[in-house]
């Protein structure tokens, strides 16, 4: 195998790796609604466990996170990282700090 061919194969492998890295970086740039749908909706949709649990403590109609009128971003960040009630904490591996900030701001602004 010639040196040129070896270098060409190495460059091809590097290109494939770079495409994979770029795809992974793009994947982590999900929008807040996408993050909510992928991470939160299972418990916090209209009939989810989290919504039913919150309905026991909050005024009528405010248990669903997307309808809350008092959901400051700081509270969302705290609840997600530390857990609250029956909700387990989510680590930065589950949800990056950037994604959590994006989600928390969206929930705060949407309400």
C-alpha atoms as a PDB file:
ATOM      1  CA  UNK A   1       0.000   0.000   0.000  1.00  0.00           C
ATOM      2  CA  UNK A   2       1.454   3.349  -0.968  1.00  0.00           C
ATOM      3  CA  UNK A   3       1.822   6.259   1.378  1.00  0.00           C
ATOM      4  CA  UNK A   4      -0.639   8.283  -0.702  1.00  0.00           C
ATOM      5  CA  UNK A   5      -3.281   5.546  -0.380  1.00  0.00           C
ATOM      6  CA  UNK A   6      -2.693   5.271   3.372  1.00  0.00           C
ATOM      7  CA  UNK A   7      -3.068   9.027   3.741  1.00  0.00           C
ATOM      8  CA  UNK A   8      -6.211   8.987   1.608  1.00  0.00           C
ATOM      9  CA  UNK A   9      -7.737   6.251   3.768  1.00  0.00           C
ATOM     10  CA  UNK A  10      -6.822   8.190   6.903  1.00  0.00           C
ATOM     11  CA  UNK A  11      -8.377  11.356   5.507  1.00  0.00           C
ATOM     12  CA  UNK A  12     -11.531   9.427   4.623  1.00  0.00           C
ATOM     13  CA  UNK A  13     -11.778   8.044   8.139  1.00  0.00           C
ATOM     14  CA  UNK A  14     -11.260  11.504   9.560  1.00  0.00           C
ATOM     15  CA  UNK A  15     -14.010  12.896   7.329  1.00  0.00           C
ATOM     16  CA  UNK A  16     -16.424  10.190   8.491  1.00  0.00           C
ATOM     17  CA  UNK A  17     -15.550  10.921  12.121  1.00  0.00           C
ATOM     18  CA  UNK A  18     -16.074  14.657  11.605  1.00  0.00           C
ATOM     19  CA  UNK A  19     -19.500  14.045  10.069  1.00  0.00           C
ATOM     20  CA  UNK A  20     -20.406  11.931  13.097  1.00  0.00           C
ATOM     21  CA  UNK A  21     -19.214  14.634  15.499  1.00  0.00           C
ATOM     22  CA  UNK A  22     -21.125  17.318  13.601  1.00  0.00           C
ATOM     23  CA  UNK A  23     -24.277  15.190  13.650  1.00  0.00           C
ATOM     24  CA  UNK A  24     -23.952  14.653  17.400  1.00  0.00           C
ATOM     25  CA  UNK A  25     -23.472  18.379  17.972  1.00  0.00           C
ATOM     26  CA  UNK A  26     -26.510  19.157  15.830  1.00  0.00           C
ATOM     27  CA  UNK A  27     -28.560  16.590  17.746  1.00  0.00           C
ATOM     28  CA  UNK A  28     -27.830  18.403  21.016  1.00  0.00           C
ATOM     29  CA  UNK A  29     -29.299  21.653  19.616  1.00  0.00           C
ATOM     30  CA  UNK A  30     -32.893  20.532  20.108  1.00  0.00           C
ATOM     31  CA  UNK A  31     -35.541  23.203  20.535  1.00  0.00           C
ATOM     32  CA  UNK A  32     -37.265  23.572  23.893  1.00  0.00           C
ATOM     33  CA  UNK A  33     -40.490  21.949  22.620  1.00  0.00           C
ATOM     34  CA  UNK A  34     -38.424  19.026  21.306  1.00  0.00           C
ATOM     35  CA  UNK A  35     -36.671  18.701  24.659  1.00  0.00           C
ATOM     36  CA  UNK A  36     -40.013  18.751  26.471  1.00  0.00           C
ATOM     37  CA  UNK A  37     -41.434  16.118  24.109  1.00  0.00           C
ATOM     38  CA  UNK A  38     -38.400  13.857  24.512  1.00  0.00           C
ATOM     39  CA  UNK A  39     -37.783  14.298  28.234  1.00  0.00           C
ATOM     40  CA  UNK A  40     -40.788  15.669  30.116  1.00  0.00           C
ATOM     41  CA  UNK A  41     -43.999  14.767  28.329  1.00  0.00           C
ATOM     42  CA  UNK A  42     -44.114  11.198  29.629  1.00  0.00           C
ATOM     43  CA  UNK A  43     -44.899  12.451  33.125  1.00  0.00           C
ATOM     44  CA  UNK A  44     -46.048  15.981  32.437  1.00  0.00           C
ATOM     45  CA  UNK A  45     -48.598  15.595  29.659  1.00  0.00           C
ATOM     46  CA  UNK A  46     -52.268  16.027  30.572  1.00  0.00           C
ATOM     47  CA  UNK A  47     -52.643  12.520  32.019  1.00  0.00           C
ATOM     48  CA  UNK A  48     -49.089  11.864  33.173  1.00  0.00           C
ATOM     49  CA  UNK A  49     -48.005  10.860  36.653  1.00  0.00           C
ATOM     50  CA  UNK A  50     -46.353  14.211  37.349  1.00  0.00           C
ATOM     51  CA  UNK A  51     -49.419  16.151  36.253  1.00  0.00           C
ATOM     52  CA  UNK A  52     -51.742  13.998  38.368  1.00  0.00           C
ATOM     53  CA  UNK A  53     -49.453  14.401  41.377  1.00  0.00           C
ATOM     54  CA  UNK A  54     -49.167  18.171  40.931  1.00  0.00           C
ATOM     55  CA  UNK A  55     -52.971  18.418  40.590  1.00  0.00           C
ATOM     56  CA  UNK A  56     -53.221  17.433  44.251  1.00  0.00           C
ATOM     57  CA  UNK A  57     -51.131  20.467  45.306  1.00  0.00           C
ATOM     58  CA  UNK A  58     -51.834  23.210  42.764  1.00  0.00           C
ATOM     59  CA  UNK A  59     -54.868  25.274  41.826  1.00  0.00           C
ATOM     60  CA  UNK A  60     -57.185  23.690  39.267  1.00  0.00           C
ATOM     61  CA  UNK A  61     -55.860  23.827  35.727  1.00  0.00           C
ATOM     62  CA  UNK A  62     -52.229  24.548  36.650  1.00  0.00           C
ATOM     63  CA  UNK A  63     -50.869  21.036  37.113  1.00  0.00           C
ATOM     64  CA  UNK A  64     -49.891  20.613  33.451  1.00  0.00           C
ATOM     65  CA  UNK A  65     -46.531  22.345  33.062  1.00  0.00           C
ATOM     66  CA  UNK A  66     -47.483  23.900  29.744  1.00  0.00           C
ATOM     67  CA  UNK A  67     -50.418  25.680  31.413  1.00  0.00           C
ATOM     68  CA  UNK A  68     -48.612  26.919  34.509  1.00  0.00           C
ATOM     69  CA  UNK A  69     -48.677  30.661  35.095  1.00  0.00           C
ATOM     70  CA  UNK A  70     -46.067  30.625  37.862  1.00  0.00           C
ATOM     71  CA  UNK A  71     -43.182  28.576  36.579  1.00  0.00           C
ATOM     72  CA  UNK A  72     -40.022  30.682  36.845  1.00  0.00           C
ATOM     73  CA  UNK A  73     -36.971  29.309  35.065  1.00  0.00           C
ATOM     74  CA  UNK A  74     -35.050  29.046  38.354  1.00  0.00           C
ATOM     75  CA  UNK A  75     -37.710  26.717  39.798  1.00  0.00           C
ATOM     76  CA  UNK A  76     -37.601  24.484  36.720  1.00  0.00           C
ATOM     77  CA  UNK A  77     -33.796  24.264  36.887  1.00  0.00           C
ATOM     78  CA  UNK A  78     -33.909  23.417  40.593  1.00  0.00           C
ATOM     79  CA  UNK A  79     -36.648  20.788  40.229  1.00  0.00           C
ATOM     80  CA  UNK A  80     -34.925  19.130  37.277  1.00  0.00           C
ATOM     81  CA  UNK A  81     -31.441  18.960  38.816  1.00  0.00           C
ATOM     82  CA  UNK A  82     -32.437  18.090  42.401  1.00  0.00           C
ATOM     83  CA  UNK A  83     -35.688  16.270  41.797  1.00  0.00           C
ATOM     84  CA  UNK A  84     -38.858  17.184  43.626  1.00  0.00           C
ATOM     85  CA  UNK A  85     -41.509  14.985  45.169  1.00  0.00           C
ATOM     86  CA  UNK A  86     -41.652  11.792  43.153  1.00  0.00           C
ATOM     87  CA  UNK A  87     -39.640  13.317  40.284  1.00  0.00           C
ATOM     88  CA  UNK A  88     -36.073  12.019  40.214  1.00  0.00           C
ATOM     89  CA  UNK A  89     -33.209  14.416  39.504  1.00  0.00           C
ATOM     90  CA  UNK A  90     -31.928  14.569  35.934  1.00  0.00           C
ATOM     91  CA  UNK A  91     -28.176  14.757  35.478  1.00  0.00           C
ATOM     92  CA  UNK A  92     -26.310  16.721  32.803  1.00  0.00           C
ATOM     93  CA  UNK A  93     -25.997  13.401  30.987  1.00  0.00           C
ATOM     94  CA  UNK A  94     -29.802  13.179  30.820  1.00  0.00           C
ATOM     95  CA  UNK A  95     -30.232  16.833  29.886  1.00  0.00           C
ATOM     96  CA  UNK A  96     -27.318  19.198  29.308  1.00  0.00           C
ATOM     97  CA  UNK A  97     -27.150  22.499  31.180  1.00  0.00           C
ATOM     98  CA  UNK A  98     -27.688  24.308  27.872  1.00  0.00           C
ATOM     99  CA  UNK A  99     -30.799  22.239  27.130  1.00  0.00           C
ATOM    100  CA  UNK A 100     -32.105  22.743  30.649  1.00  0.00           C
ATOM    101  CA  UNK A 101     -31.642  26.520  30.358  1.00  0.00           C
ATOM    102  CA  UNK A 102     -33.417  26.529  27.000  1.00  0.00           C
ATOM    103  CA  UNK A 103     -36.293  24.447  28.400  1.00  0.00           C
ATOM    104  CA  UNK A 104     -36.598  26.490  31.595  1.00  0.00           C
ATOM    105  CA  UNK A 105     -36.710  29.804  29.700  1.00  0.00           C
ATOM    106  CA  UNK A 106     -39.305  28.423  27.294  1.00  0.00           C
ATOM    107  CA  UNK A 107     -41.569  27.200  30.097  1.00  0.00           C
ATOM    108  CA  UNK A 108     -41.182  30.526  31.900  1.00  0.00           C
ATOM    109  CA  UNK A 109     -41.921  32.617  28.796  1.00  0.00           C
ATOM    110  CA  UNK A 110     -44.740  30.391  27.515  1.00  0.00           C
ATOM    111  CA  UNK A 111     -46.773  30.995  30.641  1.00  0.00           C
END
